[in-house]
Protein backbone atom coordinates (compact mmCIF):
# COMPACT_ATOMS: atom_id res chain seq x y z
CA MET A 1 -2.01 10.09 -1.18
CA THR A 2 0.02 11.64 -4.00
CA ALA A 3 2.53 14.45 -4.18
CA MET A 4 -0.21 16.62 -5.68
CA SER A 5 -2.47 16.30 -2.64
CA PRO A 6 -3.23 19.65 -1.00
CA LEU A 7 -1.17 20.67 1.99
CA ILE A 8 -2.90 19.96 5.30
CA PRO A 9 -3.26 22.93 7.72
CA VAL A 10 -1.17 22.66 10.88
CA ASP A 11 -4.11 22.96 13.30
CA GLU A 12 -5.96 20.19 11.46
CA VAL A 13 -2.88 17.96 11.64
CA ILE A 14 -2.46 18.52 15.39
CA ALA A 15 -6.16 17.89 16.07
CA THR A 16 -6.07 14.67 14.01
CA LEU A 17 -2.94 13.45 15.75
CA LEU A 18 -4.21 14.16 19.26
CA ALA A 19 -7.46 12.35 18.46
CA ASP A 20 -5.37 9.38 17.30
CA ALA A 21 -2.93 9.27 20.24
CA VAL A 22 -3.65 6.58 22.84
CA PRO A 23 -2.28 7.38 26.34
CA SER A 24 -0.11 4.74 27.97
CA ARG A 25 -1.66 2.68 30.78
CA ASP A 26 1.62 1.35 32.19
CA VAL A 27 2.15 2.58 35.75
CA GLN A 28 5.17 2.19 38.00
CA GLU A 29 6.27 3.57 41.36
CA VAL A 30 9.45 5.60 41.72
CA SER A 31 11.14 7.18 44.68
CA ILE A 32 10.25 10.81 45.26
CA SER A 33 13.97 11.56 44.90
CA ILE A 34 13.85 10.66 41.16
CA CYS A 35 10.24 11.51 40.28
CA VAL A 36 10.92 14.89 38.61
CA GLY A 37 10.23 14.71 34.86
CA HIS A 38 7.88 11.76 35.18
CA VAL A 39 4.12 12.00 34.62
CA LEU A 40 1.79 11.46 37.55
CA ALA A 41 -0.37 8.38 37.10
CA GLU A 42 -2.80 9.18 39.93
CA ASP A 43 -4.26 12.22 41.65
CA MET A 44 -2.25 13.10 44.74
CA VAL A 45 -4.36 13.81 47.83
CA ALA A 46 -2.95 15.15 51.10
CA GLY A 47 -3.14 12.73 54.00
CA ILE A 48 -2.25 15.38 56.58
CA ASN A 49 -2.58 19.11 57.24
CA VAL A 50 0.39 21.31 56.35
CA PRO A 51 1.42 22.64 58.76
CA PRO A 52 0.09 19.86 61.00
CA VAL A 53 -0.35 22.24 63.96
CA ALA A 54 -0.44 26.00 64.41
CA ASN A 55 3.10 27.39 64.48
CA SER A 56 4.89 30.69 64.69
CA SER A 57 5.86 32.58 61.53
CA MET A 58 8.30 34.78 63.47
CA ASP A 59 10.93 34.70 66.17
CA GLY A 60 9.21 36.33 69.14
CA TYR A 61 6.94 35.62 72.09
CA ALA A 62 3.70 33.66 72.22
CA PHE A 63 0.94 35.05 74.38
CA ASN A 64 -2.83 35.24 74.78
CA CYS A 65 -4.42 38.41 73.43
CA GLU A 66 -7.36 37.90 75.83
CA ASP A 67 -5.15 37.80 78.91
CA ALA A 68 -6.28 40.80 80.99
CA GLU A 69 -2.96 40.89 82.82
CA ILE A 70 -1.06 41.82 79.62
CA ALA A 71 -1.10 45.26 77.97
CA ILE A 72 1.26 47.58 76.10
CA GLY A 73 4.12 48.38 78.48
CA SER A 74 3.60 45.26 80.59
CA ILE A 75 6.63 43.53 82.03
CA CYS A 76 6.03 39.85 81.33
CA ARG A 77 7.76 36.79 82.68
CA ILE A 78 9.11 34.34 80.13
CA SER A 79 7.62 31.04 81.24
CA ASP A 80 8.96 28.76 78.50
CA ARG A 81 11.33 28.51 75.55
CA ILE A 82 9.99 26.70 72.44
CA ALA A 83 12.27 25.86 69.51
CA ALA A 84 11.16 24.40 66.18
CA GLY A 85 10.61 20.67 66.54
CA THR A 86 9.64 20.85 70.22
CA VAL A 87 6.30 21.25 71.96
CA GLY A 88 6.01 23.73 74.79
CA ALA A 89 3.97 23.52 77.98
CA PRO A 90 0.55 25.19 78.14
CA LEU A 91 0.96 28.95 78.53
CA THR A 92 0.66 30.24 82.10
CA ARG A 93 -1.68 33.20 82.58
CA GLY A 94 0.13 36.56 82.66
CA THR A 95 3.28 35.18 80.99
CA VAL A 96 4.75 34.85 77.51
CA ALA A 97 6.71 32.00 75.94
CA ARG A 98 9.88 32.56 73.93
CA ILE A 99 9.17 31.01 70.53
CA PHE A 100 11.10 30.56 67.28
CA THR A 101 9.98 30.42 63.67
CA GLY A 102 8.25 27.13 62.89
CA ALA A 103 7.76 26.12 66.51
CA PRO A 104 4.26 24.98 67.58
CA VAL A 105 2.22 27.69 69.30
CA PRO A 106 1.59 26.46 72.86
CA GLU A 107 -1.86 25.69 74.21
CA GLY A 108 -3.39 28.85 75.64
CA ALA A 109 -1.59 31.22 73.22
CA ASN A 110 -3.31 32.80 70.20
CA ALA A 111 -0.75 35.26 68.83
CA VAL A 112 2.98 35.92 68.55
CA VAL A 113 4.53 39.30 69.15
CA MET A 114 7.65 39.89 67.07
CA GLN A 115 10.94 40.08 68.90
CA GLU A 116 11.39 43.60 67.46
CA ASP A 117 8.23 44.74 69.29
CA THR A 118 9.66 43.87 72.71
CA GLU A 119 12.46 45.12 74.94
CA PRO A 120 14.56 42.82 77.12
CA VAL A 121 14.39 43.55 80.86
CA ASP A 122 16.49 40.64 82.14
CA ASP A 123 17.01 37.00 81.28
CA ASP A 124 13.51 36.11 82.47
CA HIS A 125 11.40 39.15 81.58
CA ILE A 126 10.52 41.35 78.57
CA LYS A 127 8.59 44.57 78.11
CA LEU A 128 5.82 44.62 75.47
CA ILE A 129 6.05 47.66 73.18
CA LYS A 130 3.30 46.62 70.78
CA LEU A 131 0.50 44.06 70.92
CA PRO A 132 -0.56 42.10 67.83
CA VAL A 133 -4.15 41.11 67.19
CA GLN A 134 -5.38 37.57 67.73
CA GLY A 135 -3.90 35.17 65.17
CA GLU A 136 -1.13 37.54 64.08
CA ASN A 137 2.17 35.85 63.17
CA VAL A 138 0.56 32.42 63.59
CA ARG A 139 0.34 29.89 60.76
CA VAL A 140 -2.82 27.91 61.45
CA ALA A 141 -2.96 24.15 60.95
CA GLY A 142 -3.67 23.40 57.27
CA GLN A 143 -2.84 26.94 56.17
CA ASP A 144 -0.82 25.60 53.21
CA ILE A 145 -2.62 22.30 52.60
CA GLU A 146 -5.72 20.82 54.21
CA ARG A 147 -6.02 17.10 54.75
CA GLY A 148 -7.98 15.50 51.90
CA ALA A 149 -7.17 18.30 49.43
CA LEU A 150 -6.09 17.50 45.85
CA ILE A 151 -2.53 18.76 45.62
CA LEU A 152 -1.49 17.48 42.16
CA ALA A 153 -3.65 16.10 39.36
CA ARG A 154 -3.05 12.98 37.30
CA GLY A 155 -1.28 13.71 34.02
CA ARG A 156 1.01 16.41 35.37
CA ARG A 157 4.70 16.33 34.46
CA ILE A 158 6.36 16.51 37.85
CA LYS A 159 8.48 19.58 38.57
CA PRO A 160 10.96 20.07 41.44
CA GLN A 161 8.41 22.16 43.35
CA ASP A 162 5.86 19.36 42.92
CA ALA A 163 8.26 16.91 44.55
CA ALA A 164 8.63 19.32 47.48
CA LEU A 165 4.85 19.57 47.82
CA MET A 166 4.42 15.80 47.87
CA ALA A 167 7.24 15.41 50.37
CA SER A 168 5.53 17.97 52.63
CA VAL A 169 2.55 15.61 53.02
CA GLY A 170 4.75 12.57 53.61
CA VAL A 171 4.84 10.97 50.15
CA ALA A 172 7.89 8.76 49.60
CA ALA A 173 6.90 6.69 46.53
CA VAL A 174 5.17 8.30 43.55
CA PRO A 175 2.93 6.49 41.02
CA VAL A 176 4.03 7.57 37.54
CA MET A 177 3.51 6.54 33.95
CA ARG A 178 6.24 4.31 32.58
CA PRO A 179 8.47 6.50 30.40
CA LEU A 180 7.58 6.22 26.74
CA ARG A 181 10.12 4.40 24.57
CA VAL A 182 10.76 6.35 21.35
CA ALA A 183 12.88 4.87 18.57
CA VAL A 184 15.01 7.40 16.67
CA MET A 185 16.57 6.89 13.25
CA SER A 186 18.19 9.06 10.60
CA THR A 187 18.39 8.36 6.88
CA GLY A 188 20.69 9.64 4.15
CA ASP A 189 23.82 8.36 2.42
CA GLU A 190 25.20 11.88 2.66
CA LEU A 191 25.22 11.69 6.47
CA VAL A 192 28.17 10.69 8.64
CA ASP A 193 28.15 10.42 12.42
CA PRO A 194 30.74 12.62 14.16
CA PRO A 195 33.75 12.64 14.17
CA GLY A 196 33.89 11.45 10.56
CA PRO A 197 35.90 11.58 8.40
CA LEU A 198 33.81 13.27 5.72
CA ALA A 199 34.08 12.24 2.08
CA PRO A 200 33.27 14.80 -0.63
CA GLY A 201 29.54 15.57 -0.61
CA GLN A 202 28.97 14.28 2.92
CA ILE A 203 27.85 16.16 6.03
CA PHE A 204 27.70 15.33 9.72
CA ASN A 205 24.47 13.85 11.06
CA SER A 206 23.13 16.53 13.42
CA ASN A 207 19.38 15.82 13.45
CA HIS A 208 19.84 12.54 15.27
CA TYR A 209 21.33 14.21 18.32
CA ALA A 210 18.76 16.99 18.39
CA LEU A 211 15.94 14.41 18.38
CA ILE A 212 17.58 12.33 21.10
CA GLY A 213 17.92 15.42 23.28
CA LEU A 214 14.37 16.64 22.60
CA ILE A 215 12.92 13.23 23.49
CA ARG A 216 14.98 12.85 26.66
CA ASN A 217 13.96 16.35 27.72
CA LEU A 218 10.38 15.06 27.73
CA GLY A 219 11.36 12.39 30.27
CA MET A 220 11.15 9.62 27.66
CA GLU A 221 13.58 6.83 26.81
CA VAL A 222 15.37 6.62 23.46
CA VAL A 223 15.81 3.47 21.39
CA ASP A 224 18.65 4.47 19.07
CA LEU A 225 18.23 2.91 15.62
CA GLY A 226 21.22 4.84 14.32
CA LEU A 227 21.98 6.00 10.81
CA VAL A 228 20.14 4.01 8.11
CA PRO A 229 21.42 3.75 4.49
CA ASP A 230 19.29 5.14 1.67
CA ASP A 231 17.79 1.89 0.41
CA LEU A 232 14.36 0.37 0.85
CA ASN A 233 15.49 -2.88 2.47
CA SER A 234 17.64 -1.20 5.15
CA THR A 235 14.81 1.24 5.87
CA GLU A 236 12.31 -1.61 6.29
CA VAL A 237 14.65 -3.51 8.63
CA ALA A 238 15.19 -0.44 10.82
CA LEU A 239 11.47 0.36 10.97
CA ARG A 240 10.58 -3.22 11.94
CA ARG A 241 13.21 -3.13 14.67
CA GLY A 242 11.80 0.15 15.97
CA ALA A 243 8.26 -1.24 15.94
CA SER A 244 9.36 -4.25 18.00
CA GLN A 245 11.24 -2.24 20.63
CA ALA A 246 9.46 1.08 21.03
CA ASP A 247 6.10 2.76 21.60
CA CYS A 248 6.67 5.24 18.76
CA ILE A 249 9.21 5.77 15.98
CA VAL A 250 10.64 9.15 14.92
CA SER A 251 12.74 9.40 11.77
CA SER A 252 14.44 12.33 10.08
CA GLY A 253 14.88 12.46 6.32
CA GLY A 254 13.68 10.27 3.49
CA VAL A 255 10.07 11.49 3.33
CA SER A 256 10.32 13.83 0.36
CA VAL A 257 9.61 12.94 -3.27
CA GLY A 258 13.14 12.10 -4.42
CA GLU A 259 14.12 8.72 -5.81
CA GLU A 260 16.39 8.08 -2.80
CA ASP A 261 13.73 8.93 -0.22
CA HIS A 262 12.56 5.47 0.91
CA VAL A 263 10.89 6.12 4.29
CA LYS A 264 7.50 6.99 2.83
CA ALA A 265 7.57 3.92 0.56
CA ALA A 266 8.55 1.66 3.46
CA LEU A 267 5.80 3.15 5.61
CA GLU A 268 3.18 2.44 2.95
CA LYS A 269 4.49 -1.12 2.54
CA LEU A 270 4.76 -2.07 6.23
CA GLY A 271 1.83 -0.11 7.59
CA ASP A 272 -0.24 2.82 6.49
CA LEU A 273 0.32 6.49 5.72
CA ALA A 274 -2.26 8.69 7.42
CA LEU A 275 -0.79 12.17 6.89
CA TRP A 276 1.73 13.63 4.47
CA ARG A 277 2.71 17.13 3.33
CA ILE A 278 1.81 19.74 5.91
CA ALA A 279 1.19 23.45 5.34
CA ILE A 280 4.10 24.40 7.58
CA LYS A 281 7.34 26.26 6.94
CA PRO A 282 9.92 24.96 7.49
CA GLY A 283 8.91 21.31 7.31
CA LYS A 284 6.39 20.57 4.55
CA PRO A 285 7.33 16.90 3.85
CA LEU A 286 6.21 15.39 7.16
CA ALA A 287 4.70 11.90 7.24
CA PHE A 288 2.68 10.18 9.94
CA GLY A 289 1.31 6.65 10.02
CA GLN A 290 1.62 3.22 11.61
CA ILE A 291 4.36 0.60 11.32
CA GLU A 292 2.98 -2.76 12.43
CA GLY A 293 0.61 -0.92 14.75
CA ILE A 294 3.26 1.44 16.17
CA PRO A 295 2.90 5.20 15.51
CA PHE A 296 5.53 6.65 13.21
CA PHE A 297 6.68 10.22 12.50
CA GLY A 298 8.75 10.83 9.41
CA LEU A 299 10.21 14.29 9.90
CA PRO A 300 11.92 16.31 7.16
CA GLY A 301 15.68 16.02 6.77
CA ASN A 302 16.66 19.70 6.95
CA PRO A 303 17.82 20.43 10.51
CA VAL A 304 15.51 23.37 11.27
CA SER A 305 12.57 21.55 9.69
CA THR A 306 13.24 18.56 11.94
CA PHE A 307 13.41 20.77 15.02
CA VAL A 308 10.28 22.81 14.22
CA THR A 309 8.06 19.89 13.21
CA PHE A 310 9.08 17.88 16.27
CA THR A 311 8.46 20.83 18.59
CA MET A 312 5.12 21.94 17.17
CA ILE A 313 3.61 18.67 15.87
CA ALA A 314 5.28 15.50 17.19
CA ARG A 315 5.82 16.72 20.76
CA PRO A 316 2.09 17.15 21.66
CA TYR A 317 1.36 13.67 20.28
CA LEU A 318 4.15 12.07 22.32
CA LEU A 319 3.05 13.91 25.46
CA LYS A 320 -0.49 12.57 25.07
CA MET A 321 0.88 9.04 24.58
CA GLN A 322 2.84 9.56 27.79
CA GLY A 323 -0.37 10.43 29.64
CA CYS A 324 0.28 14.15 30.05
CA SER A 325 -2.61 16.56 30.46
CA ASP A 326 -0.69 19.66 29.34
CA LEU A 327 0.00 19.01 25.66
CA LEU A 328 0.30 22.18 23.57
CA PRO A 329 3.01 24.80 23.93
CA ARG A 330 1.71 27.97 25.57
CA PRO A 331 2.08 31.14 23.53
CA ILE A 332 3.15 34.53 24.70
CA TYR A 333 2.85 37.70 22.63
CA ALA A 334 5.48 40.08 21.31
CA ASN A 335 5.78 42.98 18.89
CA ALA A 336 7.38 42.19 15.53
CA ALA A 337 10.77 43.81 14.98
CA PHE A 338 10.86 42.45 11.43
CA GLU A 339 8.72 42.35 8.30
CA LEU A 340 7.50 39.34 6.31
CA GLU A 341 5.42 38.98 3.18
CA PRO A 342 2.37 36.65 3.12
CA GLY A 343 2.99 32.98 2.33
CA GLY A 344 1.04 29.84 1.54
CA ARG A 345 2.13 27.93 4.64
CA ARG A 346 2.12 28.70 8.36
CA GLU A 347 5.64 29.85 9.11
CA TYR A 348 7.58 29.56 12.35
CA VAL A 349 10.15 32.33 12.35
CA ARG A 350 13.20 32.01 14.59
CA VAL A 351 13.25 35.11 16.77
CA ARG A 352 15.05 36.51 19.78
CA LEU A 353 12.96 38.29 22.41
CA GLU A 354 14.06 41.57 23.95
CA THR A 355 12.34 43.69 26.59
CA THR A 356 12.18 47.42 25.83
CA ARG A 357 12.57 50.22 28.36
CA ASP A 358 8.79 50.54 28.37
CA GLY A 359 8.39 46.87 29.30
CA ASP A 360 7.20 45.73 25.86
CA LEU A 361 8.47 42.50 24.35
CA ASN A 362 9.98 42.72 20.88
CA ALA A 363 10.73 39.79 18.56
CA THR A 364 13.75 40.19 16.26
CA ALA A 365 14.08 37.65 13.44
CA TYR A 366 17.32 35.87 12.57
CA GLY A 367 18.69 37.13 9.28
CA ASN A 368 18.76 33.80 7.45
CA GLN A 369 15.57 31.76 7.92
CA GLY A 370 16.72 28.87 5.71
CA SER A 371 15.68 25.39 6.81
CA GLY A 372 19.29 24.25 6.91
CA VAL A 373 20.53 27.05 9.19
CA MET A 374 20.60 25.34 12.59
CA SER A 375 22.59 28.24 14.04
CA SER A 376 19.36 30.25 13.80
CA VAL A 377 17.73 27.92 16.36
CA VAL A 378 20.70 28.22 18.70
CA TRP A 379 20.60 32.03 18.37
CA ALA A 380 16.83 32.25 18.87
CA ASP A 381 14.85 31.79 22.07
CA ALA A 382 11.39 31.57 20.48
CA LEU A 383 9.41 30.70 17.36
CA ALA A 384 7.05 33.39 16.05
CA GLU A 385 3.93 31.98 14.39
CA VAL A 386 2.87 33.64 11.13
CA ASP A 387 -0.30 32.21 9.61
CA ILE A 388 -1.09 31.50 5.96
CA GLY A 389 -1.66 34.77 4.10
CA GLN A 390 -0.54 36.91 7.04
CA SER A 391 1.82 39.79 6.38
CA VAL A 392 4.04 41.04 9.18
CA ARG A 393 4.95 44.69 9.67
CA TYR A 394 7.00 46.36 12.39
CA GLY A 395 5.01 46.58 15.62
CA ASP A 396 2.47 43.87 14.71
CA ARG A 397 1.43 41.71 17.63
CA LEU A 398 2.64 38.14 17.14
CA LYS A 399 2.07 34.84 18.88
CA VAL A 400 5.43 33.35 19.92
CA PHE A 401 6.44 30.07 21.54
CA LEU A 402 9.49 29.80 23.79
CA ILE A 403 11.92 27.21 22.43
CA ASP A 404 12.86 25.96 25.90
CA HIS A 405 9.23 25.52 27.05
């Protein structure tokens, strides 16, 4: 593939990559206390009902709506007191049982009257002001979850609320996919790791730390290959090391057409180059291939280009390798508060979303959309997608992707 090859459309690139990605088959068990962020390796099925028995949803009094001895205005004896975590005696005809939220409804009762709908008479009696209908203020067994129900599907990235749901059916150990190991390297003789010092013409290496954070946010492990000098031999050594230690390699820089850009050449020598030069802005010089059988992403060196291409292109691929079922970022829609002339690549504009008084969502673009302006990504909370040949005028409806999705 030469530098004159046509740019590949973004959607075609993503479809090709997802067809190529092979999900991991490595499964491990982790404690439910540390499962959040992992990917479920198996469907989770409830082994019990939740709640396991009918219980009260209110503080009040349990009684039987069919009891002929009870009516509005009745003075009823309190025959029992049932707190959460205890089981009361069967309800005696003509009486009520004091009951608290979450406590099991006693045998013989079929409703709970709220405490506010009663009046105390003495320590042992109440007066009923209002009668609920049968089943009112009672959570039936299995109201939340029925035994045998699928509660979470395989491939889901576990959230805190998912952990709570599994705990509610008694799960203590969770089968998850082993976290993907992703090797990260940066190239460029102009780069220096903080804190320096910087020689004339040098800059601090920022992409490396963005990539490490983005990968860890996906629940994956990082193999840090560090900063690699701009020469072919050093690049080959680093790539071989990454291929031996990781499931995938992600590099920033060195994939353009300059004489000091050696990543593409090393990729072609050690493996194969499947994709190069994408119709995306920022981020055109993106490479994808295999290094000794290990997938490799060569992302552009400009900081915003690195961030955008990882977020929109590399991230779905890595998620599929991890065994996730939810791969692509979900768009929302906003009204453009900026204008843009048509271009020859799909552009991802850094925007900040604001809600108007009428409840509409407006997207305001950062003033400088240069691919080296990382402050634009920090300022923004979303990327607005503008397709090839699309012009943007104030008020146009745009597809946007939240950066922190």
